[in-house]
Protein backbone atom coordinates (compact mmCIF):
# COMPACT_ATOMS: atom_id res chain seq x y z
CA ASP A 1 11.95 73.50 -53.60
CA LYS A 2 13.11 70.03 -54.61
CA PRO A 3 16.54 70.01 -52.88
CA PHE A 4 14.91 71.07 -49.62
CA LEU A 5 12.26 68.35 -49.86
CA ARG A 6 14.91 65.71 -50.59
CA LYS A 7 16.93 66.79 -47.58
CA GLU A 8 13.85 66.70 -45.35
CA TYR A 9 12.91 63.28 -46.68
CA GLN A 10 16.42 61.96 -46.02
CA LEU A 11 16.31 63.29 -42.46
CA LEU A 12 12.95 61.64 -41.89
CA LEU A 13 14.15 58.29 -43.23
CA SER A 14 17.36 58.39 -41.24
CA SER A 15 15.38 58.95 -38.05
CA LEU A 16 13.40 55.71 -38.46
CA SER A 17 14.44 52.75 -36.37
CA GLU A 18 15.58 49.67 -38.26
CA ASP A 19 12.49 47.79 -37.06
CA VAL A 20 10.16 50.47 -38.42
CA TYR A 21 12.09 50.61 -41.69
CA LEU A 22 11.96 46.81 -42.15
CA ARG A 23 8.29 46.59 -41.23
CA SER A 24 7.40 49.48 -43.54
CA SER A 25 9.28 47.86 -46.41
CA GLU A 26 7.50 44.56 -45.76
CA ILE A 27 4.07 46.23 -45.75
CA ILE A 28 4.76 48.09 -48.98
CA CYS A 29 6.01 44.93 -50.72
CA LYS A 30 2.90 43.02 -49.62
CA LYS A 31 0.61 45.78 -50.87
CA LEU A 32 2.41 45.93 -54.20
CA SER A 33 2.28 42.15 -54.61
CA ILE A 34 -1.50 42.04 -54.20
CA ASP A 35 -2.30 45.25 -56.09
CA SER A 36 -4.81 44.25 -58.75
CA SER A 37 -3.55 46.87 -61.22
CA LEU A 38 -0.03 45.39 -61.09
CA ARG A 39 -1.11 41.75 -61.16
CA TYR A 40 -1.69 41.65 -64.91
CA MET A 41 1.08 44.02 -66.00
CA THR A 42 3.92 42.39 -67.85
CA HIS A 43 6.23 45.44 -68.08
CA ILE A 44 7.06 47.50 -64.97
CA CYS A 45 9.29 50.54 -64.54
CA SER A 46 10.81 50.83 -61.10
CA TYR A 47 13.64 52.21 -59.04
CA PHE A 48 16.38 50.22 -57.39
CA PRO A 49 16.31 51.07 -53.68
CA SER A 50 19.36 52.60 -52.13
CA SER A 51 20.17 51.94 -48.49
CA ASN A 52 17.97 54.81 -47.31
CA GLU A 53 14.90 54.07 -49.41
CA VAL A 54 12.05 51.62 -48.94
CA ASP A 55 13.41 48.18 -49.78
CA ILE A 56 11.17 46.84 -52.54
CA ARG A 57 13.63 44.16 -53.65
CA PRO A 58 11.35 41.31 -52.46
CA PHE A 59 8.59 42.68 -54.70
CA LEU A 60 11.01 43.08 -57.61
CA ASN A 61 12.19 39.49 -57.20
CA LEU A 62 8.55 38.35 -57.20
CA CYS A 63 8.08 40.19 -60.50
CA PHE A 64 11.04 38.35 -62.00
CA GLU A 65 9.66 35.03 -60.71
CA GLN A 66 6.35 35.83 -62.43
CA GLY A 67 8.10 36.49 -65.72
CA LYS A 68 7.52 40.24 -65.73
CA HIS A 69 9.88 42.60 -67.56
CA LEU A 70 11.48 45.17 -65.24
CA TYR A 71 13.01 48.45 -66.34
CA PHE A 72 15.19 50.82 -64.34
CA PRO A 73 16.19 54.41 -65.15
CA ARG A 74 19.57 55.24 -66.57
CA TYR A 75 20.92 58.65 -67.44
CA ASP A 76 22.20 58.61 -71.01
CA THR A 77 23.18 61.61 -73.13
CA ASN A 78 21.21 64.30 -71.29
CA GLN A 79 18.11 62.19 -70.78
CA TYR A 80 16.81 59.33 -68.71
CA VAL A 81 15.99 56.10 -70.48
CA PHE A 82 14.58 52.92 -69.01
CA VAL A 83 16.66 49.81 -69.47
CA GLU A 84 15.37 46.27 -69.06
CA VAL A 85 17.21 44.27 -66.42
CA GLU A 86 16.98 40.49 -66.14
CA SER A 87 17.85 40.09 -62.44
CA LEU A 88 18.67 42.11 -59.36
CA GLU A 89 22.09 40.48 -59.27
CA GLN A 90 23.09 43.03 -61.91
CA PHE A 91 22.88 45.68 -59.18
CA VAL A 92 25.41 46.52 -56.50
CA PHE A 93 24.94 49.13 -53.78
CA PRO A 94 25.08 52.02 -54.36
CA PRO A 95 22.96 52.02 -57.52
CA THR A 96 25.55 54.13 -59.38
CA ASP A 97 27.70 50.97 -59.55
CA ILE A 98 25.27 49.25 -61.91
CA ASP A 99 26.93 47.53 -64.84
CA TRP A 100 24.70 49.13 -67.45
CA GLN A 101 26.57 47.57 -70.35
CA ALA A 102 25.62 44.13 -69.07
CA ALA A 103 22.11 45.29 -68.21
CA GLN A 104 21.44 46.70 -71.64
CA GLY A 105 22.44 43.74 -73.74
CA ASP A 106 21.45 43.70 -77.37
CA ALA A 107 17.72 43.73 -76.77
CA ALA A 108 17.49 46.56 -74.22
CA LYS A 109 15.59 49.59 -75.48
CA THR A 110 13.85 52.55 -73.96
CA ILE A 111 10.23 52.04 -73.01
CA ASN A 112 9.29 54.38 -75.83
CA ASP A 113 11.10 52.18 -78.36
CA ARG A 114 9.31 49.07 -77.06
CA THR A 115 5.93 50.79 -77.16
CA ASN A 116 6.40 51.92 -80.74
CA ALA A 117 7.86 48.63 -81.99
């Protein structure tokens, strides 16, 4: 049951000390940054971490520095689409405050559109 699992996950995360949370986020970012399957990818779909999720922002910033294209989910007309974002500065906590109009721009398309172009 998905709602139950989410609630359990949230309880688990909230029970972690800040030190454990920060260290875990650091380890995950390091592993992502050296992952050979991600090294050569130029387009990456991701999530933007909320305050109770693993903080992968350092990894996302590294992707931007390396010229990678990052896409984040957006709910639009009864479906999720992935929108390209040019910097993390477009995000404000919580993620629902994202300025999607600015993020979309003229060139933003769903991943499916980009794949079929």
